[in-house]
Protein backbone atom coordinates (compact mmCIF):
# COMPACT_ATOMS: atom_id res chain seq x y z
CA MET A 1 73.93 106.17 133.24
CA LYS A 2 77.82 107.21 134.55
CA ILE A 3 80.43 105.29 131.86
CA MET A 4 83.65 105.60 132.33
CA LEU A 5 85.74 103.92 129.12
CA ILE A 6 89.81 103.75 130.40
CA LEU A 7 92.99 102.70 127.85
CA PRO A 8 95.45 101.09 129.86
CA PRO A 9 98.98 102.63 130.11
CA LEU A 10 101.55 101.12 128.15
CA ILE A 11 105.09 98.72 129.32
CA VAL A 12 107.99 98.82 126.89
CA GLN A 13 111.17 97.65 126.31
CA LYS A 14 114.19 99.53 125.83
CA LYS A 15 114.84 99.12 121.97
CA GLU A 16 110.49 98.46 121.21
CA GLN A 17 109.46 101.46 118.78
CA TYR A 18 106.44 102.88 120.37
CA GLY A 19 104.41 106.41 120.15
CA VAL A 20 101.18 107.76 121.35
CA THR A 21 98.03 107.61 119.21
CA PRO A 22 94.37 108.66 120.04
CA PRO A 23 92.32 105.37 120.78
CA LEU A 24 89.96 105.41 118.22
CA GLY A 25 88.39 101.78 119.55
CA ILE A 26 86.82 103.61 122.91
CA ALA A 27 86.44 106.32 121.74
CA TYR A 28 83.85 104.50 118.77
CA LEU A 29 82.14 103.73 121.92
CA ALA A 30 81.64 106.21 123.30
CA ALA A 31 80.21 107.86 119.91
CA MET A 32 77.72 105.15 120.26
CA LEU A 33 77.29 106.16 123.81
CA GLU A 34 76.66 109.23 123.77
CA LYS A 35 74.16 109.48 120.75
CA ASN A 36 72.01 107.18 123.40
CA ASN A 37 72.14 109.61 125.81
CA HIS A 38 74.72 108.15 128.01
CA GLU A 39 76.90 110.04 130.15
CA VAL A 40 80.45 109.58 129.29
CA ILE A 41 84.64 110.57 129.94
CA LEU A 42 87.43 108.89 127.90
CA LEU A 43 90.73 108.12 130.11
CA ASP A 44 93.47 107.59 127.55
CA CYS A 45 96.42 106.95 130.70
CA ILE A 46 99.24 106.29 127.97
CA VAL A 47 99.08 110.32 127.11
CA GLU A 48 97.54 110.87 130.30
CA GLY A 49 100.79 110.64 131.86
CA TYR A 50 103.23 110.30 128.77
CA ASP A 51 105.45 112.78 130.21
CA ASN A 52 106.50 110.52 133.70
CA PRO A 53 107.93 107.03 132.33
CA GLU A 54 109.24 104.86 134.97
CA LYS A 55 111.02 102.10 134.79
CA GLN A 56 109.80 98.98 136.42
CA ASN A 57 111.68 95.19 136.21
CA GLY A 58 113.48 95.68 132.82
CA TYR A 59 110.05 97.40 131.43
CA LEU A 60 109.62 101.29 131.40
CA HIS A 61 105.72 102.18 132.04
CA LEU A 62 104.29 104.80 130.22
CA GLY A 63 101.27 106.14 131.48
CA LEU A 64 99.24 106.94 134.90
CA LYS A 65 100.27 105.48 138.31
CA SER A 66 97.32 102.93 139.47
CA HIS A 67 96.61 106.12 142.31
CA GLU A 68 96.21 108.46 140.14
CA ILE A 69 93.77 105.94 138.03
CA GLU A 70 92.18 105.33 141.52
CA LYS A 71 91.41 109.17 141.43
CA ARG A 72 89.94 109.77 138.18
CA ILE A 73 87.73 106.93 138.81
CA ARG A 74 86.23 108.21 142.25
CA MET A 75 86.40 111.80 141.09
CA PHE A 76 83.58 110.68 137.84
CA ALA A 77 82.24 107.94 140.39
CA PRO A 78 80.99 105.89 137.49
CA ASP A 79 78.03 103.35 137.25
CA ILE A 80 80.23 101.66 134.49
CA VAL A 81 83.70 101.37 133.44
CA GLY A 82 85.04 99.88 130.33
CA ILE A 83 88.53 98.51 129.84
CA SER A 84 90.10 98.50 126.80
CA CYS A 85 92.74 95.51 126.40
CA ILE A 86 93.63 96.09 122.36
CA PHE A 87 96.99 93.55 122.97
CA SER A 88 97.61 90.82 125.23
CA LEU A 89 100.44 92.78 126.74
CA MET A 90 97.68 94.62 127.67
CA PHE A 91 96.53 92.70 130.13
CA PRO A 92 98.36 92.78 133.27
CA GLU A 93 97.80 96.92 133.06
CA ALA A 94 94.08 95.78 132.44
CA LEU A 95 93.33 93.84 135.23
CA ARG A 96 94.93 95.41 137.41
CA ILE A 97 92.46 98.95 136.14
CA ALA A 98 89.98 96.73 136.69
CA GLU A 99 90.99 95.49 140.54
CA ILE A 100 91.20 99.03 141.09
CA VAL A 101 87.52 99.95 140.52
CA LYS A 102 86.25 96.79 142.01
CA SER A 103 88.29 98.61 145.28
CA ILE A 104 86.65 101.56 145.19
CA ASP A 105 83.01 100.06 144.82
CA THR A 106 82.05 96.89 143.93
CA ASN A 107 78.99 97.57 142.69
CA ILE A 108 80.71 99.11 139.72
CA LYS A 109 80.50 96.71 136.64
CA VAL A 110 83.52 95.90 134.73
CA VAL A 111 84.06 95.25 131.11
CA MET A 112 86.81 94.54 129.00
CA GLY A 113 87.44 94.86 125.03
CA GLY A 114 89.59 94.00 123.02
CA ALA A 115 91.22 92.34 120.87
CA HIS A 116 92.95 90.15 124.31
CA PRO A 117 89.91 89.06 125.93
CA SER A 118 88.35 88.52 122.21
CA SER A 119 90.65 85.64 121.84
CA ALA A 120 91.04 84.48 125.42
CA PRO A 121 87.68 85.03 127.07
CA TYR A 122 87.78 82.45 129.28
CA ASP A 123 91.57 83.53 130.70
CA VAL A 124 90.16 86.36 130.86
CA LEU A 125 86.51 85.87 132.81
CA SER A 126 88.66 84.12 135.48
CA ASN A 127 88.98 86.93 137.09
CA SER A 128 86.56 87.54 139.06
CA SER A 129 87.18 91.66 139.23
CA VAL A 130 86.23 91.82 135.68
CA ASP A 131 82.21 91.10 134.99
CA PHE A 132 81.98 91.20 131.38
CA ILE A 133 83.83 91.31 128.45
CA VAL A 134 82.65 92.30 125.14
CA ILE A 135 84.15 90.81 121.39
CA GLY A 136 84.85 91.96 118.56
CA GLU A 137 82.96 94.97 117.24
CA GLY A 138 81.83 96.57 120.67
CA GLU A 139 79.28 99.43 119.64
CA VAL A 140 76.29 96.95 119.87
CA THR A 141 77.07 94.38 122.12
CA LEU A 142 78.19 97.54 125.14
CA LEU A 143 75.28 99.69 124.70
CA GLU A 144 72.73 96.23 124.83
CA LEU A 145 74.48 95.42 127.76
CA VAL A 146 74.35 99.13 129.53
CA ARG A 147 71.03 99.05 128.46
CA CYS A 148 70.55 95.69 130.38
CA ILE A 149 72.57 96.91 133.20
CA GLU A 150 70.37 100.37 133.90
CA GLN A 151 66.84 98.40 133.56
CA LYS A 152 68.53 94.97 135.92
CA ASN A 153 67.87 93.23 133.21
CA THR A 154 69.42 89.16 134.29
CA GLU A 155 68.99 88.08 130.72
CA LEU A 156 72.36 88.38 129.44
CA SER A 157 72.40 85.25 127.29
CA ALA A 158 70.46 86.94 124.20
CA ILE A 159 73.33 89.83 124.05
CA ASP A 160 75.42 89.14 121.33
CA GLY A 161 79.20 88.78 121.51
CA LEU A 162 79.33 89.21 125.56
CA GLY A 163 80.89 87.11 127.68
CA TYR A 164 79.81 86.94 131.83
CA ARG A 165 79.31 85.03 134.53
CA ASN A 166 76.36 83.24 135.88
CA ASP A 167 76.33 81.48 139.20
CA GLY A 168 80.01 81.76 138.94
CA VAL A 169 80.48 80.15 135.89
CA ALA A 170 81.49 81.54 132.63
CA MET A 171 78.92 82.24 130.27
CA LEU A 172 80.02 83.12 126.40
CA ASN A 173 78.08 83.90 123.90
CA PRO A 174 79.34 83.51 120.26
CA LYS A 175 80.31 86.93 118.16
CA THR A 176 77.27 86.64 115.31
CA ARG A 177 76.72 89.21 114.30
CA PHE A 178 78.34 92.34 112.61
CA ILE A 179 77.47 96.35 111.43
CA GLU A 180 76.97 96.16 108.14
CA ASN A 181 76.21 99.46 107.53
CA LEU A 182 79.05 101.48 108.33
CA ASP A 183 77.97 104.50 107.78
CA ASN A 184 75.38 104.81 110.56
CA VAL A 185 77.97 104.30 113.23
CA PRO A 186 79.03 107.82 114.70
CA PHE A 187 82.55 109.14 114.40
CA PRO A 188 84.51 108.31 116.81
CA ALA A 189 84.06 111.63 120.51
CA ARG A 190 87.51 112.99 119.56
CA HIS A 191 85.69 115.94 121.40
CA LEU A 192 86.89 113.63 124.71
CA LEU A 193 90.32 113.04 124.44
CA PRO A 194 92.95 115.51 125.17
CA MET A 195 93.86 116.43 121.29
CA GLU A 196 95.73 118.48 122.00
CA LYS A 197 97.78 116.68 124.10
CA TYR A 198 98.59 114.26 121.52
CA TYR A 199 99.61 116.72 118.71
CA LYS A 200 102.56 118.36 120.81
CA ILE A 201 103.48 114.91 121.89
CA GLY A 202 104.36 114.17 118.17
CA GLU A 203 104.89 110.60 118.11
CA SER A 204 102.53 107.72 116.75
CA HIS A 205 103.27 104.56 116.04
CA GLY A 206 103.65 104.26 112.54
CA GLY A 207 105.39 107.70 112.24
CA LEU A 208 104.97 111.11 111.11
CA LYS A 209 105.38 114.06 108.98
CA ARG A 210 103.18 117.02 110.30
CA SER A 211 102.60 117.18 113.98
CA ARG A 212 99.11 117.94 113.93
CA TYR A 213 97.39 114.11 112.55
CA ALA A 214 94.61 112.02 113.14
CA SER A 215 93.94 107.81 112.77
CA ILE A 216 90.64 106.51 110.87
CA VAL A 217 89.47 103.51 109.89
CA THR A 218 87.50 103.54 106.67
CA SER A 219 86.67 99.28 106.70
CA ARG A 220 86.53 96.56 108.89
CA GLY A 221 87.78 93.28 108.42
CA CYS A 222 89.67 91.03 106.53
CA PRO A 223 89.39 87.88 104.13
CA GLY A 224 92.89 87.09 104.66
CA ASN A 225 94.20 84.09 106.31
CA CYS A 226 97.92 85.24 107.75
CA ILE A 227 98.49 82.94 110.41
CA TYR A 228 99.90 85.39 112.76
CA CYS A 229 96.73 88.01 112.28
CA SER A 230 94.21 87.62 115.21
CA ILE A 231 92.53 90.65 113.55
CA HIS A 232 89.33 88.74 112.67
CA THR A 233 88.23 87.41 116.63
CA VAL A 234 87.87 91.05 116.62
CA TRP A 235 86.12 92.27 113.05
CA GLY A 236 86.13 89.47 111.32
CA ARG A 237 86.51 87.57 108.54
CA ARG A 238 84.10 89.53 106.01
CA TRP A 239 85.18 92.69 104.90
CA ARG A 240 82.90 95.50 105.24
CA SER A 241 83.91 99.31 104.42
CA ARG A 242 82.23 102.95 105.14
CA GLY A 243 80.93 104.96 101.99
CA PRO A 244 83.78 106.53 100.36
CA ALA A 245 81.46 110.08 101.42
CA ASN A 246 81.50 109.26 104.87
CA VAL A 247 85.33 108.70 104.32
CA LEU A 248 85.59 112.25 103.20
CA ASP A 249 82.76 113.90 105.41
CA GLU A 250 85.20 112.27 108.81
CA ILE A 251 88.52 113.77 107.25
CA GLU A 252 87.32 117.26 106.15
CA HIS A 253 85.68 117.14 110.22
CA LEU A 254 89.00 116.40 110.98
CA VAL A 255 90.79 119.60 109.00
CA ASN A 256 88.01 122.46 109.73
CA ASN A 257 87.19 120.85 113.64
CA TYR A 258 90.84 120.03 115.01
CA GLY A 259 93.18 121.62 112.06
CA VAL A 260 94.38 118.37 111.20
CA LYS A 261 97.11 118.34 108.94
CA GLU A 262 97.79 114.30 108.25
CA ILE A 263 95.64 111.59 108.30
CA HIS A 264 96.80 107.92 108.82
CA PHE A 265 94.54 105.15 107.54
CA GLU A 266 94.53 102.28 110.47
CA ASP A 267 92.68 100.22 108.66
CA ASP A 268 93.83 96.42 107.64
CA ASN A 269 92.42 95.97 103.94
CA LEU A 270 92.55 100.34 102.86
CA THR A 271 92.55 99.35 98.56
CA PHE A 272 90.88 96.48 98.73
CA ASP A 273 87.88 97.52 96.78
CA ARG A 274 90.05 99.65 94.47
CA GLU A 275 87.32 101.46 93.05
CA ARG A 276 86.38 102.75 96.37
CA ALA A 277 90.17 103.62 97.39
CA ARG A 278 90.14 105.86 94.52
CA ALA A 279 86.86 107.71 95.06
CA ILE A 280 88.50 108.74 98.37
CA PHE A 281 91.85 109.71 96.88
CA GLN A 282 90.39 111.40 94.39
CA GLY A 283 87.71 112.62 96.52
CA ILE A 284 90.81 113.92 98.95
CA ILE A 285 92.08 116.37 95.88
CA ASP A 286 88.21 117.55 94.60
CA ARG A 287 87.46 118.66 98.18
CA GLY A 288 90.86 120.14 98.21
CA LEU A 289 91.78 118.82 101.17
CA ASP A 290 95.23 120.20 102.13
CA ILE A 291 96.68 116.51 104.27
CA ALA A 292 99.36 114.32 104.32
CA TRP A 293 98.34 110.81 104.83
CA THR A 294 100.19 107.05 105.39
CA THR A 295 99.11 103.80 105.94
CA PRO A 296 100.68 102.71 109.27
CA ASN A 297 98.97 99.18 109.35
CA GLY A 298 100.23 98.61 105.36
CA VAL A 299 98.19 97.62 102.24
CA ALA A 300 97.49 94.67 100.67
CA ILE A 301 100.61 94.83 98.23
CA TRP A 302 98.26 92.90 95.10
CA LYS A 303 95.98 95.51 95.10
CA LEU A 304 98.28 97.86 93.96
CA ASP A 305 98.79 99.30 90.22
CA GLU A 306 100.55 102.02 88.76
CA ASP A 307 97.38 104.32 88.42
CA LEU A 308 96.53 103.81 91.88
CA LEU A 309 99.81 104.27 93.82
CA ARG A 310 99.91 107.81 91.19
CA LEU A 311 96.37 108.87 92.51
CA MET A 312 97.48 108.16 95.95
CA LYS A 313 101.06 110.21 95.24
CA ALA A 314 98.69 113.05 94.23
CA SER A 315 96.61 112.97 97.00
CA GLY A 316 99.03 113.87 99.64
CA CYS A 317 100.57 110.13 100.06
CA TYR A 318 103.87 110.28 101.32
CA GLN A 319 104.64 106.76 102.84
CA ILE A 320 103.27 103.57 102.33
CA ASN A 321 104.11 100.54 104.06
CA LEU A 322 103.92 97.00 102.75
CA GLY A 323 103.13 94.28 104.32
CA ILE A 324 105.52 91.52 102.31
CA GLU A 325 106.75 89.44 105.80
CA SER A 326 108.96 86.55 103.67
CA GLY A 327 111.70 86.85 100.77
CA ASN A 328 111.30 82.93 100.86
CA GLU A 329 108.11 82.13 98.15
CA ARG A 330 107.65 79.28 100.09
CA VAL A 331 107.30 80.24 103.73
CA LEU A 332 105.20 82.98 102.00
CA LYS A 333 103.13 80.35 100.67
CA GLU A 334 102.53 77.66 102.59
CA ILE A 335 103.39 78.97 106.09
CA ILE A 336 102.52 82.23 106.00
CA ARG A 337 99.61 82.18 103.41
CA LYS A 338 100.16 85.75 101.67
CA PRO A 339 98.41 85.72 98.23
CA PHE A 340 100.88 87.56 95.84
CA ARG A 341 104.90 86.51 94.28
CA LEU A 342 107.45 88.00 95.65
CA GLU A 343 108.35 89.40 91.89
CA LYS A 344 105.39 91.55 92.50
CA VAL A 345 107.46 93.19 95.17
CA HIS A 346 109.99 94.62 93.61
CA GLU A 347 108.37 96.42 90.19
CA ILE A 348 105.82 98.25 93.53
CA VAL A 349 108.58 99.40 95.11
CA LYS A 350 110.52 100.47 92.11
CA LYS A 351 107.12 102.38 91.07
CA ILE A 352 106.56 103.33 94.54
CA GLN A 353 109.74 104.96 94.43
CA GLU A 354 109.74 106.50 91.38
CA LEU A 355 106.66 108.48 92.75
CA GLY A 356 109.06 109.90 95.22
CA ILE A 357 106.81 108.21 97.87
CA TRP A 358 108.46 106.20 100.79
CA ALA A 359 108.48 102.61 101.63
CA HIS A 360 108.32 100.75 104.65
CA GLY A 361 108.65 97.24 104.59
CA PHE A 362 107.34 94.78 107.28
CA PHE A 363 109.10 91.33 107.39
CA ILE A 364 108.25 88.92 109.92
CA LEU A 365 111.19 86.14 111.27
CA GLY A 366 111.10 82.75 112.80
CA MET A 367 107.69 81.12 112.22
CA PRO A 368 107.25 77.56 112.92
CA GLY A 369 108.06 75.66 109.57
CA GLU A 370 111.40 78.10 108.67
CA THR A 371 114.56 77.06 108.68
CA LYS A 372 118.29 79.69 109.32
CA GLN A 373 118.12 79.70 106.01
CA THR A 374 114.77 80.73 105.20
CA ILE A 375 115.16 83.49 107.84
CA MET A 376 118.37 84.16 105.95
CA ASP A 377 116.59 84.65 102.99
CA THR A 378 114.04 87.19 104.25
CA ILE A 379 117.06 89.42 105.23
CA ASN A 380 118.79 89.06 102.39
CA PHE A 381 115.57 89.99 99.96
CA ALA A 382 114.98 92.79 102.25
CA ILE A 383 118.46 94.76 101.28
CA GLY A 384 118.06 93.70 97.80
CA LEU A 385 115.01 95.32 97.80
CA ASN A 386 116.19 98.76 98.36
CA LEU A 387 113.90 99.95 100.61
CA ASP A 388 113.73 103.29 101.99
CA SER A 389 113.69 101.49 105.50
CA ALA A 390 112.01 98.44 107.26
CA SER A 391 110.92 96.85 110.44
CA PHE A 392 111.98 93.08 111.45
CA PHE A 393 109.89 91.37 114.00
CA VAL A 394 109.70 88.42 115.76
CA ALA A 395 107.31 86.16 115.19
CA THR A 396 105.15 86.11 117.86
CA PRO A 397 101.97 83.88 119.17
CA TYR A 398 99.02 86.24 119.62
CA PRO A 399 95.99 83.92 120.86
CA GLY A 400 93.60 84.01 118.52
CA THR A 401 95.56 82.57 115.89
CA ARG A 402 96.81 80.14 113.99
CA LEU A 403 100.49 81.00 114.75
CA PHE A 404 99.34 80.65 118.79
CA ASP A 405 97.47 76.84 117.83
CA ILE A 406 100.81 75.92 115.45
CA CYS A 407 103.30 76.60 118.72
CA LYS A 408 100.91 75.34 121.26
CA GLU A 409 100.72 72.28 119.30
CA HIS A 410 104.27 71.68 118.75
CA GLY A 411 105.46 72.62 122.23
CA TYR A 412 107.52 75.92 120.36
CA ILE A 413 106.42 78.66 123.35
CA GLN A 414 108.51 78.36 125.96
CA ASP A 415 107.91 80.30 129.25
CA TYR A 416 104.68 81.64 127.88
CA ASP A 417 104.06 85.60 128.89
CA ALA A 418 102.08 88.29 127.66
CA ARG A 419 103.98 91.00 128.50
CA ALA A 420 106.28 89.37 126.29
CA LEU A 421 103.81 89.40 123.63
CA ARG A 422 105.39 91.85 121.54
CA VAL A 423 107.81 92.02 118.22
CA GLN A 424 111.05 92.65 119.89
CA SER A 425 110.41 89.33 122.11
CA SER A 426 110.80 85.60 121.06
CA MET A 427 109.27 82.93 123.12
CA ILE A 428 109.05 80.33 119.54
CA SER A 429 111.47 77.36 119.61
CA THR A 430 111.59 75.09 117.10
CA GLU A 431 113.90 72.27 115.67
CA GLN A 432 115.53 74.66 113.54
CA PHE A 433 116.03 77.90 115.99
CA THR A 434 116.51 78.38 118.42
CA SER A 435 113.97 81.79 121.03
CA ASP A 436 117.42 83.74 121.36
CA GLY A 437 118.62 82.34 118.28
CA LEU A 438 115.74 84.02 116.71
CA LEU A 439 116.41 87.76 118.86
CA GLN A 440 120.30 87.21 117.12
CA PHE A 441 118.85 86.78 113.86
CA GLN A 442 116.85 90.32 114.53
CA ASP A 443 120.04 92.12 115.09
CA LEU A 444 120.74 90.45 112.49
CA ALA A 445 118.88 92.21 110.10
CA TYR A 446 118.72 95.81 111.61
CA LYS A 447 122.40 96.55 111.37
CA ARG A 448 122.82 94.67 107.88
CA PHE A 449 120.06 96.86 106.69
CA MET A 450 121.68 100.24 108.20
CA TYR A 451 124.36 98.72 106.69
CA SER A 452 123.40 98.53 103.34
CA THR A 453 121.11 101.75 103.36
CA ILE A 454 124.33 104.03 104.45
CA LYS A 455 126.35 102.57 101.75
CA ARG A 456 123.71 102.44 99.29
CA GLU A 457 122.80 106.30 100.19
CA ILE A 458 126.58 107.50 99.81
CA VAL A 459 127.57 105.04 96.49
CA HIS A 460 124.82 105.96 94.76
CA LEU A 461 124.82 109.45 95.80
CA ASN A 462 120.77 109.25 96.56
CA ILE A 463 121.49 111.29 99.98
CA ILE A 464 121.97 114.03 96.57
CA ARG A 465 118.36 113.17 95.90
CA ARG A 466 116.74 112.58 99.12
CA LEU A 467 117.37 115.98 100.08
CA VAL A 468 116.25 117.53 96.54
CA GLN A 469 112.64 115.96 97.35
CA LEU A 470 112.28 117.47 100.78
CA LYS A 471 110.94 120.58 99.64
CA THR A 472 109.43 121.69 103.50
CA MET A 473 110.38 121.56 107.34
CA ASP A 474 107.19 118.62 108.09
CA ASP A 475 109.97 116.47 104.81
CA VAL A 476 112.49 117.32 107.25
CA HIS A 477 110.79 116.29 110.02
CA PHE A 478 109.64 113.16 108.79
CA MET A 479 113.09 112.35 107.83
CA TYR A 480 114.68 112.84 110.90
CA ARG A 481 112.34 110.48 112.58
CA LYS A 482 112.73 107.93 110.34
CA ILE A 483 116.49 107.83 110.91
CA SER A 484 116.03 108.00 114.80
CA ARG A 485 113.88 105.30 115.12
CA LEU A 486 116.38 103.14 113.19
CA ILE A 487 119.59 104.37 115.06
CA LYS A 488 117.55 103.26 118.04
CA VAL A 489 116.63 100.08 117.22
CA VAL A 490 120.52 99.09 115.67
CA ALA A 491 121.53 100.77 119.11
């Protein structure tokens, strides 16, 4: 069959940090479909229209316009269109594409997948332009659905993790099965993506040191219980991993076939299994792979130690993002449910910086149950860590999370809007703070952090140490990008 997989355009706010990254989700799906002899095409609307942004109702529209998307669909004339909706804020754009497809030909089957359909399946199926949704991990589910459509088989109840309508009634087959051996999944079909365009733009969501980069995922699932995270709706709660050799083969493939110089490990738990992590990092060294690498999604602080950090540095790690979240022990343990103590953070940050690795911290402000004082505890803790850079996110109630449920139960969500589900927006108001107050705290956090960083650099002559460490133009470009991003947020 002819199958078109689409990543919708992106709508961003003025101060929002954004980048453009090859969409691994639809690339994995395409690889599985190609392996089973289907004709597949990928359309990343963001990268294809990245050079022509447009202001829309206070937002910035990044990507192809509706008429351009319609033209691409008509040219390919697909039997099935799959639409990726990885964030709830993308749903309006994803739905618009579904409507475009049906306006072209109502016989084209529309399938939507990603975190939002997985978290809010009945809401998505209430739209007549969407025929099916894929819940969670999609490779096997989509392949089985395509076979049913191809064979005109209407028995859909046996397909695991599928949402559909039966005589107008939304039906949902729960997700119960996940891929056990991830080494059997083919590498993402990057040959269907305009890779050179990503390199030319040179902007990823996690920062960048070298322009020729690639994102990879070496494991799926997370056993954690953090109340703000919706990733379990896609990958499940059980951690599953690829073998070190399989991971290294993909990195080597990227280096040899695409000239990749930098790897972004997009795992939620890259170092969950320390021995496996060591095997990957040592393998990079043993195979002579000259790459720089980082962890845009963050790593588990409680899984890091000095020996592992030294190996990470030796294998090319230049930045580690740390999911610290709060500077208050009670909030960390009782509300967010992170399994570590704050004293561990000081120790790890110090070791990271001693090795010459850039230390970036993630923090979340405004969890239900927090007070103005606990929010200030987080801001003060972040400043006291002497991090190289930091991100201060507003607590965001994504569908499918315990945070969302708590906010709905207590009436904390004000004016729910899918497009406002982003870390630079606020829709939570509690007895302790308002949504506008949270944005003021966020603004204060960035300004105080930047001021303290500048003061530290000058007073302690850290800037001299930094300049000494800038050994290549890649290092200079990385430092410039980091400073530019922070200034943009503060301004």
